[in-house]
Amino acid sequence: MIGRLNHVAIAVKDLEKSISLYRDTLGAKVSAPQAEPAHGVTVVFIELPNTKIELLQPLGENSPIAKFLEKNPDGGMHHLCYEVEDIIAARDRLKATGARVLGDGEPKIGAHGKPVLFLHPKDFNGTLVELEQV
């Protein structure tokens, strides 16, 4: 059902400092910051040959990333994103096996402009999982 690893998301307190770390220290190609108000984050993507790293900074006081950073003040890995061909079929299959889909269970449009869903970390070895339709 799942395809390739689309990205690893890392929550950060200081997006500019993190961009500099990846761009200037590691020599990576970094996208321009992109505000995602519907998700409460500002994101950038670090392009790697085989996947991407997504840096997430809180956007607004109600951002889920702000809550994550309260518990993890130094930041850290927030979620893994896997590609799926049909997000509705994937959702239905997961729900049938007892996996919990977060929110209302309906896909939202993610930072790549594609439908995404998040799966409860307690169902996936303590890791928040994002599915993105490709």
Protein backbone atom coordinates (compact mmCIF):
# COMPACT_ATOMS: atom_id res chain seq x y z
CA MET A 1 0.00 0.00 0.00
CA ILE A 2 2.64 2.59 0.97
CA GLY A 3 5.10 3.74 -1.62
CA ARG A 4 8.32 5.62 -1.24
CA LEU A 5 9.32 7.80 1.68
CA ASN A 6 8.29 11.31 0.63
CA HIS A 7 9.87 13.23 3.50
CA VAL A 8 10.98 13.31 7.10
CA ALA A 9 9.58 16.31 8.98
CA ILE A 10 11.58 18.08 11.67
CA ALA A 11 10.05 20.68 14.00
CA VAL A 12 12.28 23.72 14.53
CA LYS A 13 12.08 26.85 16.69
CA ASP A 14 14.12 29.04 14.33
CA LEU A 15 13.49 28.38 10.66
CA GLU A 16 16.15 30.80 9.37
CA LYS A 17 18.83 29.25 11.58
CA SER A 18 17.80 25.78 10.42
CA ILE A 19 17.79 26.84 6.77
CA SER A 20 21.32 28.16 7.21
CA LEU A 21 22.42 24.91 8.83
CA TYR A 22 21.20 22.80 5.90
CA ARG A 23 22.10 25.25 3.11
CA ASP A 24 25.37 26.75 4.34
CA THR A 25 26.79 24.01 6.55
CA LEU A 26 25.57 20.90 4.73
CA GLY A 27 25.39 22.39 1.22
CA ALA A 28 21.79 21.32 0.58
CA LYS A 29 19.27 22.89 -1.76
CA VAL A 30 16.52 24.51 0.35
CA SER A 31 13.15 25.76 -0.93
CA ALA A 32 11.73 29.15 -0.08
CA PRO A 33 9.64 29.30 3.11
CA GLN A 34 5.97 28.58 2.52
CA ALA A 35 3.25 29.54 5.01
CA GLU A 36 0.57 26.88 5.47
CA PRO A 37 -2.08 28.61 7.65
CA ALA A 38 -4.50 25.67 7.41
CA HIS A 39 -1.88 23.48 9.11
CA GLY A 40 -0.45 26.15 11.43
CA VAL A 41 3.09 25.92 10.05
CA THR A 42 5.66 27.55 7.86
CA VAL A 43 7.64 24.95 5.92
CA VAL A 44 10.73 24.60 3.79
CA PHE A 45 11.89 21.50 1.99
CA ILE A 46 15.47 20.34 1.77
CA GLU A 47 15.92 18.47 -1.49
CA LEU A 48 17.94 15.27 -1.27
CA PRO A 49 18.66 12.81 -4.09
CA ASN A 50 16.32 10.16 -2.64
CA THR A 51 13.79 12.10 -0.50
CA LYS A 52 13.19 15.43 1.25
CA ILE A 53 13.51 16.86 4.73
CA GLU A 54 10.65 19.16 5.74
CA LEU A 55 11.43 21.81 8.36
CA LEU A 56 8.34 22.95 10.27
CA GLN A 57 8.11 26.17 12.26
CA PRO A 58 4.96 27.13 14.17
CA LEU A 59 2.66 29.63 12.49
CA GLY A 60 0.34 31.11 15.09
CA GLU A 61 -0.29 30.29 18.73
CA ASN A 62 -2.54 27.30 18.02
CA SER A 63 0.00 25.53 15.83
CA PRO A 64 0.41 21.82 16.61
CA ILE A 65 4.14 22.40 16.11
CA ALA A 66 4.15 24.98 18.93
CA LYS A 67 2.69 22.32 21.21
CA PHE A 68 5.31 19.82 20.00
CA LEU A 69 8.10 22.33 20.73
CA GLU A 70 6.75 22.92 24.24
CA LYS A 71 7.39 19.24 24.93
CA ASN A 72 10.58 19.15 22.82
CA PRO A 73 12.25 22.57 23.22
CA ASP A 74 15.21 21.67 21.01
CA GLY A 75 12.92 20.52 18.20
CA GLY A 76 13.19 17.11 16.62
CA MET A 77 11.64 14.63 14.25
CA HIS A 78 7.90 15.28 13.99
CA HIS A 79 6.63 12.77 11.40
CA LEU A 80 7.37 10.52 8.44
CA CYS A 81 5.47 10.93 5.19
CA TYR A 82 4.82 7.99 2.86
CA GLU A 83 3.33 8.19 -0.60
CA VAL A 84 0.13 6.33 -1.53
CA GLU A 85 -1.58 6.09 -4.89
CA ASP A 86 -5.14 6.39 -3.57
CA ILE A 87 -5.51 8.15 -0.23
CA ILE A 88 -9.19 7.22 0.22
CA ALA A 89 -8.50 3.53 -0.41
CA ALA A 90 -5.51 3.69 1.95
CA ARG A 91 -7.61 5.41 4.64
CA ASP A 92 -10.41 2.88 4.34
CA ARG A 93 -8.01 -0.07 4.47
CA LEU A 94 -6.25 1.37 7.54
CA LYS A 95 -9.50 2.11 9.36
CA ALA A 96 -10.71 -1.44 8.63
CA THR A 97 -7.61 -2.78 10.43
CA GLY A 98 -8.20 -0.52 13.44
CA ALA A 99 -5.66 2.21 12.67
CA ARG A 100 -6.76 5.67 13.76
CA VAL A 101 -6.84 8.53 11.27
CA LEU A 102 -6.44 11.90 12.97
CA GLY A 103 -8.87 14.79 12.57
CA ASP A 104 -12.16 14.17 10.84
CA GLY A 105 -10.70 11.44 8.62
CA GLU A 106 -11.04 13.50 5.47
CA PRO A 107 -7.89 14.36 3.49
CA LYS A 108 -6.62 17.93 3.63
CA ILE A 109 -4.39 19.61 1.06
CA GLY A 110 -0.77 19.51 2.22
CA ALA A 111 2.29 21.64 1.46
CA HIS A 112 2.81 19.93 -1.91
CA GLY A 113 -0.75 20.75 -2.98
CA LYS A 114 -1.78 17.09 -2.68
CA PRO A 115 -4.24 15.31 -0.34
CA VAL A 116 -2.77 14.19 2.99
CA LEU A 117 -3.90 12.34 6.12
CA PHE A 118 -2.18 11.76 9.45
CA LEU A 119 -2.24 8.50 11.40
CA HIS A 120 -2.14 8.24 15.19
CA PRO A 121 1.40 7.67 16.49
CA LYS A 122 0.21 5.14 19.07
CA ASP A 123 -0.74 2.86 16.17
CA PHE A 124 2.69 3.18 14.47
CA ASN A 125 5.40 2.56 17.05
CA GLY A 126 5.15 6.05 18.53
CA THR A 127 5.68 7.78 15.18
CA LEU A 128 3.24 10.21 13.61
CA VAL A 129 2.70 9.07 10.02
CA GLU A 130 1.52 11.26 7.16
CA LEU A 131 0.17 9.76 3.95
CA GLU A 132 0.33 11.82 0.77
CA GLN A 133 -1.45 10.91 -2.44
CA VAL A 134 0.84 11.02 -5.48
